[in-house]
Amino acid sequence: MAEVIIVNNEEAAGRIYAQCVADLIHSKPDCVLGLATGSSPLAAYQALAHEVKNDHLDVSHVRGFALDEYAGLDPSHPQSYRSTITRTVVEPLGLTPDLVHVPNGALSTIREAGYEYDRMIKAAGGVDVQILGIGTDGHIGFNEPGSSLASGTRIKTLTQQTREDNARFFDNDIDQVPTHCITQGIGTIMKARHLVLLAFGSGKAEAIAETVEGGVSAFCPASALQLHPHATVIVDEKAASKLRNKDYYRYAYEHKPAWQGI
């Protein structure tokens, strides 16, 4: 099962992720990072940017692959995930832009884009560390409940709820929110060597309980992490509030040898 780390706040979670990735960059300067958008990873990216600056890390060879992209939205649109990844990751960390990839959401090539993206990830040697957020319904990437746990990168129809949730990024106008996206599938995500899922707030408590302690099911796509050989779930107290074994998770982490990292 996944390792569960319960922290006081998002900043503490960010520092744990940042140390993990900084150590990876030291040992493998051309490592491959899996990148996610949304609010949950922001503190992690900020902490990593701090590590890069303070340790004078050379990140010029670090490669990256984003989880998803809206279909039919111009990459230059401020709410495209290409633009978002550039603002929140590439520029703050000083990554080489040409080495950071986002799924191609162009409608003219969308039928083959998923296969091509998976091919690119494989050609890069696979993802070393994939950061993940989670939706209140247990989705990761744009893999909504019911998504195949063996799925590759593909086009998906966004649920009405997801479009309503994301309308805040489009001037609160749901008509501006695309109806489709291209997303890494659960099968693609599970091929990463290390998965790090971050979740904060009571709104994520039910999803985290289902992910960590519920049955493995397509109706909670994130529950597939239970089958991964190296998955880390970092949550604050509120997100951990519905976990039955949280006392054990705390005990295990407190007694973990420092050399193991996460």
C-alpha atoms as a PDB file:
ATOM      1  CA  MET A   1       0.000   0.000   0.000  1.00  0.00           C
ATOM      2  CA  ALA A   2       0.972   3.633  -0.280  1.00  0.00           C
ATOM      3  CA  GLU A   3       3.063   5.348   2.362  1.00  0.00           C
ATOM      4  CA  VAL A   4       0.910   7.985   4.079  1.00  0.00           C
ATOM      5  CA  ILE A   5       2.576  11.079   5.545  1.00  0.00           C
ATOM      6  CA  ILE A   6       0.424  13.437   7.617  1.00  0.00           C
ATOM      7  CA  VAL A   7       1.732  16.998   7.880  1.00  0.00           C
ATOM      8  CA  ASN A   8       0.572  20.230   9.461  1.00  0.00           C
ATOM      9  CA  ASN A   9       0.218  22.265   6.298  1.00  0.00           C
ATOM     10  CA  GLU A  10       0.859  22.534   2.575  1.00  0.00           C
ATOM     11  CA  GLU A  11       4.270  24.107   3.098  1.00  0.00           C
ATOM     12  CA  ALA A  12       5.485  21.073   5.050  1.00  0.00           C
ATOM     13  CA  ALA A  13       4.221  18.790   2.293  1.00  0.00           C
ATOM     14  CA  GLY A  14       5.971  20.929  -0.295  1.00  0.00           C
ATOM     15  CA  ARG A  15       9.285  20.638   1.524  1.00  0.00           C
ATOM     16  CA  ILE A  16       9.078  16.844   1.590  1.00  0.00           C
ATOM     17  CA  TYR A  17       8.415  16.696  -2.152  1.00  0.00           C
ATOM     18  CA  ALA A  18      11.123  19.264  -2.870  1.00  0.00           C
ATOM     19  CA  GLN A  19      13.785  17.345  -0.940  1.00  0.00           C
ATOM     20  CA  CYS A  20      12.836  14.145  -2.757  1.00  0.00           C
ATOM     21  CA  VAL A  21      13.144  15.757  -6.185  1.00  0.00           C
ATOM     22  CA  ALA A  22      16.286  17.727  -5.304  1.00  0.00           C
ATOM     23  CA  ASP A  23      17.976  14.472  -4.256  1.00  0.00           C
ATOM     24  CA  LEU A  24      16.860  12.925  -7.539  1.00  0.00           C
ATOM     25  CA  ILE A  25      18.296  15.801  -9.578  1.00  0.00           C
ATOM     26  CA  HIS A  26      21.613  15.470  -7.742  1.00  0.00           C
ATOM     27  CA  SER A  27      21.835  11.780  -8.657  1.00  0.00           C
ATOM     28  CA  LYS A  28      20.228  11.995 -12.091  1.00  0.00           C
ATOM     29  CA  PRO A  29      20.569  15.463 -13.687  1.00  0.00           C
ATOM     30  CA  ASP A  30      18.426  14.492 -16.677  1.00  0.00           C
ATOM     31  CA  CYS A  31      15.621  12.994 -14.598  1.00  0.00           C
ATOM     32  CA  VAL A  32      12.027  13.003 -15.833  1.00  0.00           C
ATOM     33  CA  LEU A  33       9.387  14.742 -13.722  1.00  0.00           C
ATOM     34  CA  GLY A  34       5.671  14.161 -14.089  1.00  0.00           C
ATOM     35  CA  LEU A  35       3.903  17.485 -13.674  1.00  0.00           C
ATOM     36  CA  ALA A  36       0.358  18.314 -12.571  1.00  0.00           C
ATOM     37  CA  THR A  37      -1.641  21.528 -12.513  1.00  0.00           C
ATOM     38  CA  GLY A  38      -4.195  22.585  -9.914  1.00  0.00           C
ATOM     39  CA  SER A  39      -3.769  24.126  -6.488  1.00  0.00           C
ATOM     40  CA  SER A  40      -2.397  21.107  -4.578  1.00  0.00           C
ATOM     41  CA  PRO A  41       1.054  20.994  -6.241  1.00  0.00           C
ATOM     42  CA  LEU A  42       1.762  24.731  -5.992  1.00  0.00           C
ATOM     43  CA  ALA A  43       3.450  24.637  -2.576  1.00  0.00           C
ATOM     44  CA  ALA A  44       5.563  21.710  -3.788  1.00  0.00           C
ATOM     45  CA  TYR A  45       6.743  23.610  -6.854  1.00  0.00           C
ATOM     46  CA  GLN A  46       7.496  26.688  -4.753  1.00  0.00           C
ATOM     47  CA  ALA A  47       9.538  24.635  -2.299  1.00  0.00           C
ATOM     48  CA  LEU A  48      11.416  22.964  -5.142  1.00  0.00           C
ATOM     49  CA  ALA A  49      12.201  26.337  -6.706  1.00  0.00           C
ATOM     50  CA  HIS A  50      13.634  27.380  -3.337  1.00  0.00           C
ATOM     51  CA  GLU A  51      15.793  24.222  -3.223  1.00  0.00           C
ATOM     52  CA  VAL A  52      17.027  24.804  -6.767  1.00  0.00           C
ATOM     53  CA  LYS A  53      18.061  28.368  -5.939  1.00  0.00           C
ATOM     54  CA  ASN A  54      19.629  27.667  -2.545  1.00  0.00           C
ATOM     55  CA  ASP A  55      21.527  24.550  -3.652  1.00  0.00           C
ATOM     56  CA  HIS A  56      22.485  26.027  -7.050  1.00  0.00           C
ATOM     57  CA  LEU A  57      21.062  22.941  -8.728  1.00  0.00           C
ATOM     58  CA  ASP A  58      21.633  22.592 -12.454  1.00  0.00           C
ATOM     59  CA  VAL A  59      18.175  21.804 -13.839  1.00  0.00           C
ATOM     60  CA  SER A  60      19.007  22.531 -17.472  1.00  0.00           C
ATOM     61  CA  HIS A  61      18.725  18.833 -18.384  1.00  0.00           C
ATOM     62  CA  VAL A  62      15.641  18.003 -16.308  1.00  0.00           C
ATOM     63  CA  ARG A  63      12.750  16.812 -18.467  1.00  0.00           C
ATOM     64  CA  GLY A  64       9.037  17.024 -17.757  1.00  0.00           C
ATOM     65  CA  PHE A  65       5.699  15.624 -18.905  1.00  0.00           C
ATOM     66  CA  ALA A  66       2.402  17.206 -17.918  1.00  0.00           C
ATOM     67  CA  LEU A  67      -0.603  15.072 -17.037  1.00  0.00           C
ATOM     68  CA  ASP A  68      -3.194  16.630 -19.279  1.00  0.00           C
ATOM     69  CA  GLU A  69      -4.421  19.427 -21.524  1.00  0.00           C
ATOM     70  CA  TYR A  70      -7.733  20.820 -22.704  1.00  0.00           C
ATOM     71  CA  ALA A  71      -8.755  19.729 -26.187  1.00  0.00           C
ATOM     72  CA  GLY A  72      -9.165  22.509 -28.706  1.00  0.00           C
ATOM     73  CA  LEU A  73      -7.786  25.269 -26.469  1.00  0.00           C
ATOM     74  CA  ASP A  74      -4.950  27.269 -27.990  1.00  0.00           C
ATOM     75  CA  PRO A  75      -1.710  26.561 -26.063  1.00  0.00           C
ATOM     76  CA  SER A  76      -1.211  30.318 -25.728  1.00  0.00           C
ATOM     77  CA  HIS A  77      -4.522  30.698 -23.861  1.00  0.00           C
ATOM     78  CA  PRO A  78      -3.740  31.692 -20.249  1.00  0.00           C
ATOM     79  CA  GLN A  79      -5.782  28.769 -18.916  1.00  0.00           C
ATOM     80  CA  SER A  80      -4.246  26.121 -21.155  1.00  0.00           C
ATOM     81  CA  TYR A  81      -2.157  23.690 -19.188  1.00  0.00           C
ATOM     82  CA  ARG A  82       0.803  24.538 -21.395  1.00  0.00           C
ATOM     83  CA  SER A  83       0.570  28.127 -20.137  1.00  0.00           C
ATOM     84  CA  THR A  84      -0.092  27.005 -16.565  1.00  0.00           C
ATOM     85  CA  ILE A  85       2.898  24.652 -16.463  1.00  0.00           C
ATOM     86  CA  THR A  86       5.082  27.415 -17.906  1.00  0.00           C
ATOM     87  CA  ARG A  87       3.957  29.876 -15.190  1.00  0.00           C
ATOM     88  CA  THR A  88       4.046  27.531 -12.219  1.00  0.00           C
ATOM     89  CA  VAL A  89       6.911  25.177 -13.025  1.00  0.00           C
ATOM     90  CA  VAL A  90       9.144  25.999 -15.993  1.00  0.00           C
ATOM     91  CA  GLU A  91       9.795  29.649 -15.163  1.00  0.00           C
ATOM     92  CA  PRO A  92      10.081  29.413 -11.332  1.00  0.00           C
ATOM     93  CA  LEU A  93      12.435  26.415 -11.533  1.00  0.00           C
ATOM     94  CA  GLY A  94      14.364  27.619 -14.559  1.00  0.00           C
ATOM     95  CA  LEU A  95      13.710  24.471 -16.580  1.00  0.00           C
ATOM     96  CA  THR A  96      14.579  24.288 -20.276  1.00  0.00           C
ATOM     97  CA  PRO A  97      11.216  24.932 -22.005  1.00  0.00           C
ATOM     98  CA  ASP A  98      11.887  22.578 -24.920  1.00  0.00           C
ATOM     99  CA  LEU A  99      12.367  19.681 -22.488  1.00  0.00           C
ATOM    100  CA  VAL A 100       8.932  20.097 -20.882  1.00  0.00           C
ATOM    101  CA  HIS A 101       6.071  18.478 -22.758  1.00  0.00           C
ATOM    102  CA  VAL A 102       2.285  18.815 -22.577  1.00  0.00           C
ATOM    103  CA  PRO A 103      -0.222  16.591 -24.402  1.00  0.00           C
ATOM    104  CA  ASN A 104      -1.172  17.964 -27.815  1.00  0.00           C
ATOM    105  CA  GLY A 105      -4.772  19.094 -27.595  1.00  0.00           C
ATOM    106  CA  ALA A 106      -5.066  20.266 -31.203  1.00  0.00           C
ATOM    107  CA  LEU A 107      -8.300  18.884 -32.628  1.00  0.00           C
ATOM    108  CA  SER A 108      -6.696  18.155 -36.003  1.00  0.00           C
ATOM    109  CA  THR A 109      -4.376  15.517 -34.499  1.00  0.00           C
ATOM    110  CA  ILE A 110      -6.293  14.494 -31.375  1.00  0.00           C
ATOM    111  CA  ARG A 111      -7.003  10.951 -32.580  1.00  0.00           C
ATOM    112  CA  GLU A 112      -3.314   9.991 -32.477  1.00  0.00           C
ATOM    113  CA  ALA A 113      -2.129  12.406 -29.789  1.00  0.00           C
ATOM    114  CA  GLY A 114      -2.524   9.982 -26.882  1.00  0.00           C
ATOM    115  CA  TYR A 115      -0.492   7.247 -28.519  1.00  0.00           C
ATOM    116  CA  GLU A 116       2.178   9.768 -29.501  1.00  0.00           C
ATOM    117  CA  TYR A 117       2.425  11.142 -25.957  1.00  0.00           C
ATOM    118  CA  ASP A 118       2.846   7.707 -24.415  1.00  0.00           C
ATOM    119  CA  ARG A 119       5.499   6.974 -27.021  1.00  0.00           C
ATOM    120  CA  MET A 120       7.378  10.148 -26.033  1.00  0.00           C
ATOM    121  CA  ILE A 121       7.288   9.236 -22.344  1.00  0.00           C
ATOM    122  CA  LYS A 122       8.614   5.766 -23.098  1.00  0.00           C
ATOM    123  CA  ALA A 123      11.365   7.178 -25.336  1.00  0.00           C
ATOM    124  CA  ALA A 124      12.442   9.455 -22.467  1.00  0.00           C
ATOM    125  CA  GLY A 125      12.911   6.417 -20.241  1.00  0.00           C
ATOM    126  CA  GLY A 126       9.710   6.868 -18.270  1.00  0.00           C
ATOM    127  CA  VAL A 127       8.759   9.268 -15.499  1.00  0.00           C
ATOM    128  CA  ASP A 128      10.901   9.184 -12.356  1.00  0.00           C
ATOM    129  CA  VAL A 129       8.597  11.118  -9.991  1.00  0.00           C
ATOM    130  CA  GLN A 130       4.983  11.914 -10.827  1.00  0.00           C
ATOM    131  CA  ILE A 131       3.246  14.527  -8.684  1.00  0.00           C
ATOM    132  CA  LEU A 132      -0.529  14.181  -8.391  1.00  0.00           C
ATOM    133  CA  GLY A 133      -3.482  16.058  -6.991  1.00  0.00           C
ATOM    134  CA  ILE A 134      -6.861  14.439  -6.397  1.00  0.00           C
ATOM    135  CA  GLY A 135     -10.430  15.495  -7.002  1.00  0.00           C
ATOM    136  CA  THR A 136     -13.190  15.198  -4.419  1.00  0.00           C
ATOM    137  CA  ASP A 137     -14.510  12.237  -6.407  1.00  0.00           C
ATOM    138  CA  GLY A 138     -11.136  10.482  -6.466  1.00  0.00           C
ATOM    139  CA  HIS A 139     -10.079  11.456  -9.976  1.00  0.00           C
ATOM    140  CA  ILE A 140      -6.435  11.996 -10.874  1.00  0.00           C
ATOM    141  CA  GLY A 141      -5.490  13.780 -14.055  1.00  0.00           C
ATOM    142  CA  PHE A 142      -8.780  13.944 -15.920  1.00  0.00           C
ATOM    143  CA  ASN A 143      -9.533  10.299 -15.200  1.00  0.00           C
ATOM    144  CA  GLU A 144     -13.055  10.656 -13.868  1.00  0.00           C
ATOM    145  CA  PRO A 145     -14.816   7.877 -11.903  1.00  0.00           C
ATOM    146  CA  GLY A 146     -15.377   4.926 -14.211  1.00  0.00           C
ATOM    147  CA  SER A 147     -12.098   5.382 -16.069  1.00  0.00           C
ATOM    148  CA  SER A 148     -10.234   2.207 -16.892  1.00  0.00           C
ATOM    149  CA  LEU A 149      -7.395   1.479 -14.500  1.00  0.00           C
ATOM    150  CA  ALA A 150      -5.391   0.202 -17.478  1.00  0.00           C
ATOM    151  CA  SER A 151      -5.973   3.250 -19.697  1.00  0.00           C
ATOM    152  CA  GLY A 152      -3.296   5.025 -21.679  1.00  0.00           C
ATOM    153  CA  THR A 153      -3.234   8.682 -22.656  1.00  0.00           C
ATOM    154  CA  ARG A 154      -6.448   9.486 -24.504  1.00  0.00           C
ATOM    155  CA  ILE A 155      -9.216  11.989 -25.099  1.00  0.00           C
ATOM    156  CA  LYS A 156     -11.894  12.195 -22.410  1.00  0.00           C
ATOM    157  CA  THR A 157     -15.211  14.003 -22.043  1.00  0.00           C
ATOM    158  CA  LEU A 158     -15.200  16.291 -19.021  1.00  0.00           C
ATOM    159  CA  THR A 159     -18.062  15.827 -16.595  1.00  0.00           C
ATOM    160  CA  GLN A 160     -20.485  18.676 -16.054  1.00  0.00           C
ATOM    161  CA  GLN A 161     -19.225  18.981 -12.471  1.00  0.00           C
ATOM    162  CA  THR A 162     -15.612  19.323 -13.603  1.00  0.00           C
ATOM    163  CA  ARG A 163     -16.580  22.008 -16.120  1.00  0.00           C
ATOM    164  CA  GLU A 164     -18.535  23.858 -13.432  1.00  0.00           C
ATOM    165  CA  ASP A 165     -15.599  23.591 -11.018  1.00  0.00           C
ATOM    166  CA  ASN A 166     -13.172  24.916 -13.644  1.00  0.00           C
ATOM    167  CA  ALA A 167     -15.423  27.748 -14.808  1.00  0.00           C
ATOM    168  CA  ARG A 168     -13.805  29.960 -12.167  1.00  0.00           C
ATOM    169  CA  PHE A 169     -10.683  29.983 -14.331  1.00  0.00           C
ATOM    170  CA  PHE A 170     -12.719  31.112 -17.362  1.00  0.00           C
ATOM    171  CA  ASP A 171     -14.413  34.254 -16.006  1.00  0.00           C
ATOM    172  CA  ASN A 172     -17.046  32.026 -14.361  1.00  0.00           C
ATOM    173  CA  ASP A 173     -18.414  31.249 -17.816  1.00  0.00           C
ATOM    174  CA  ILE A 174     -18.904  27.498 -18.259  1.00  0.00           C
ATOM    175  CA  ASP A 175     -19.429  27.985 -21.982  1.00  0.00           C
ATOM    176  CA  GLN A 176     -15.751  28.897 -22.247  1.00  0.00           C
ATOM    177  CA  VAL A 177     -14.648  25.659 -20.587  1.00  0.00           C
ATOM    178  CA  PRO A 178     -13.806  22.984 -23.169  1.00  0.00           C
ATOM    179  CA  THR A 179     -15.941  19.844 -23.146  1.00  0.00           C
ATOM    180  CA  HIS A 180     -13.002  17.503 -23.827  1.00  0.00           C
ATOM    181  CA  CYS A 181      -9.427  17.011 -22.711  1.00  0.00           C
ATOM    182  CA  ILE A 182      -6.489  14.750 -23.394  1.00  0.00           C
ATOM    183  CA  THR A 183      -5.129  13.091 -20.279  1.00  0.00           C
ATOM    184  CA  GLN A 184      -2.610  10.512 -19.234  1.00  0.00           C
ATOM    185  CA  GLY A 185      -4.543   7.392 -18.310  1.00  0.00           C
ATOM    186  CA  ILE A 186      -4.280   5.505 -15.059  1.00  0.00           C
ATOM    187  CA  GLY A 187      -2.188   2.889 -16.829  1.00  0.00           C
ATOM    188  CA  THR A 188       0.251   5.570 -18.021  1.00  0.00           C
ATOM    189  CA  ILE A 189       0.447   7.205 -14.594  1.00  0.00           C
ATOM    190  CA  MET A 190       1.109   3.863 -12.911  1.00  0.00           C
ATOM    191  CA  LYS A 191       4.223   3.343 -15.042  1.00  0.00           C
ATOM    192  CA  ALA A 192       6.017   6.191 -13.255  1.00  0.00           C
ATOM    193  CA  ARG A 193       8.638   4.903 -10.827  1.00  0.00           C
ATOM    194  CA  HIS A 194       7.437   7.024  -7.896  1.00  0.00           C
ATOM    195  CA  LEU A 195       4.004   8.580  -7.383  1.00  0.00           C
ATOM    196  CA  VAL A 196       3.540  11.469  -4.933  1.00  0.00           C
ATOM    197  CA  LEU A 197      -0.071  12.463  -4.273  1.00  0.00           C
ATOM    198  CA  LEU A 198      -0.823  15.655  -2.351  1.00  0.00           C
ATOM    199  CA  ALA A 199      -4.191  16.539  -0.792  1.00  0.00           C
ATOM    200  CA  PHE A 200      -5.259  19.262   1.601  1.00  0.00           C
ATOM    201  CA  GLY A 201      -8.485  20.250   3.336  1.00  0.00           C
ATOM    202  CA  SER A 202     -11.557  18.436   4.614  1.00  0.00           C
ATOM    203  CA  GLY A 203     -13.083  18.425   1.136  1.00  0.00           C
ATOM    204  CA  LYS A 204     -10.532  15.790   0.118  1.00  0.00           C
ATOM    205  CA  ALA A 205     -10.954  13.578   3.207  1.00  0.00           C
ATOM    206  CA  GLU A 206     -13.470  11.159   1.690  1.00  0.00           C
ATOM    207  CA  ALA A 207     -11.433  10.752  -1.499  1.00  0.00           C
ATOM    208  CA  ILE A 208      -8.252  10.112   0.467  1.00  0.00           C
ATOM    209  CA  ALA A 209      -9.956   7.506   2.654  1.00  0.00           C
ATOM    210  CA  GLU A 210     -11.247   5.712  -0.438  1.00  0.00           C
ATOM    211  CA  THR A 211      -7.871   5.989  -2.161  1.00  0.00           C
ATOM    212  CA  VAL A 212      -5.799   4.616   0.708  1.00  0.00           C
ATOM    213  CA  GLU A 213      -8.140   2.335   2.626  1.00  0.00           C
ATOM    214  CA  GLY A 214     -11.027   1.564   0.279  1.00  0.00           C
ATOM    215  CA  GLY A 215     -11.279  -1.105  -2.358  1.00  0.00           C
ATOM    216  CA  VAL A 216      -9.424  -0.729  -5.630  1.00  0.00           C
ATOM    217  CA  SER A 217     -12.072   0.429  -8.065  1.00  0.00           C
ATOM    218  CA  ALA A 218     -12.476   2.420 -11.254  1.00  0.00           C
ATOM    219  CA  PHE A 219     -15.037   4.493  -9.372  1.00  0.00           C
ATOM    220  CA  CYS A 220     -12.181   5.904  -7.304  1.00  0.00           C
ATOM    221  CA  PRO A 221      -9.436   6.069  -9.939  1.00  0.00           C
ATOM    222  CA  ALA A 222      -6.800   7.147  -7.409  1.00  0.00           C
ATOM    223  CA  SER A 223      -7.300   3.860  -5.539  1.00  0.00           C
ATOM    224  CA  ALA A 224      -5.058   2.287  -8.188  1.00  0.00           C
ATOM    225  CA  LEU A 225      -2.152   3.743  -6.176  1.00  0.00           C
ATOM    226  CA  GLN A 226      -2.620   0.835  -3.760  1.00  0.00           C
ATOM    227  CA  LEU A 227      -1.169  -1.389  -6.487  1.00  0.00           C
ATOM    228  CA  HIS A 228       1.901   0.757  -7.134  1.00  0.00           C
ATOM    229  CA  PRO A 229       5.239  -0.407  -5.664  1.00  0.00           C
ATOM    230  CA  HIS A 230       6.299   3.128  -4.677  1.00  0.00           C
ATOM    231  CA  ALA A 231       3.465   5.546  -3.930  1.00  0.00           C
ATOM    232  CA  THR A 232       3.534   8.323  -1.340  1.00  0.00           C
ATOM    233  CA  VAL A 233       0.410  10.142  -0.141  1.00  0.00           C
ATOM    234  CA  ILE A 234       1.086  13.425   1.688  1.00  0.00           C
ATOM    235  CA  VAL A 235      -1.932  15.003   3.388  1.00  0.00           C
ATOM    236  CA  ASP A 236      -2.728  17.579   6.036  1.00  0.00           C
ATOM    237  CA  GLU A 237      -4.739  16.778   9.165  1.00  0.00           C
ATOM    238  CA  LYS A 238      -8.067  17.696   7.583  1.00  0.00           C
ATOM    239  CA  ALA A 239      -7.528  15.561   4.507  1.00  0.00           C
ATOM    240  CA  ALA A 240      -6.447  12.692   6.800  1.00  0.00           C
ATOM    241  CA  SER A 241      -9.457  13.037   9.090  1.00  0.00           C
ATOM    242  CA  LYS A 242     -11.359  10.019   7.727  1.00  0.00           C
ATOM    243  CA  LEU A 243      -8.423   7.609   7.669  1.00  0.00           C
ATOM    244  CA  ARG A 244      -8.924   4.741  10.108  1.00  0.00           C
ATOM    245  CA  ASN A 245      -5.234   3.934  10.498  1.00  0.00           C
ATOM    246  CA  LYS A 246      -3.841   7.463  10.757  1.00  0.00           C
ATOM    247  CA  ASP A 247      -2.189   6.762  14.118  1.00  0.00           C
ATOM    248  CA  TYR A 248      -0.214   3.959  12.523  1.00  0.00           C
ATOM    249  CA  TYR A 249       0.763   6.128   9.565  1.00  0.00           C
ATOM    250  CA  ARG A 250       2.128   8.744  11.956  1.00  0.00           C
ATOM    251  CA  TYR A 251       4.008   6.121  13.982  1.00  0.00           C
ATOM    252  CA  ALA A 252       5.515   4.519  10.883  1.00  0.00           C
ATOM    253  CA  TYR A 253       6.732   7.829   9.481  1.00  0.00           C
ATOM    254  CA  GLU A 254       8.162   8.977  12.824  1.00  0.00           C
ATOM    255  CA  HIS A 255      10.209   5.769  13.058  1.00  0.00           C
ATOM    256  CA  LYS A 256      11.293   5.624   9.432  1.00  0.00           C
ATOM    257  CA  PRO A 257      15.071   5.562   8.854  1.00  0.00           C
ATOM    258  CA  ALA A 258      16.159   8.966   7.548  1.00  0.00           C
ATOM    259  CA  TRP A 259      18.195   7.406   4.748  1.00  0.00           C
ATOM    260  CA  GLN A 260      15.061   5.988   3.135  1.00  0.00           C
ATOM    261  CA  GLY A 261      13.639   9.370   2.154  1.00  0.00           C
ATOM    262  CA  ILE A 262      10.184   8.975   0.688  1.00  0.00           C
END
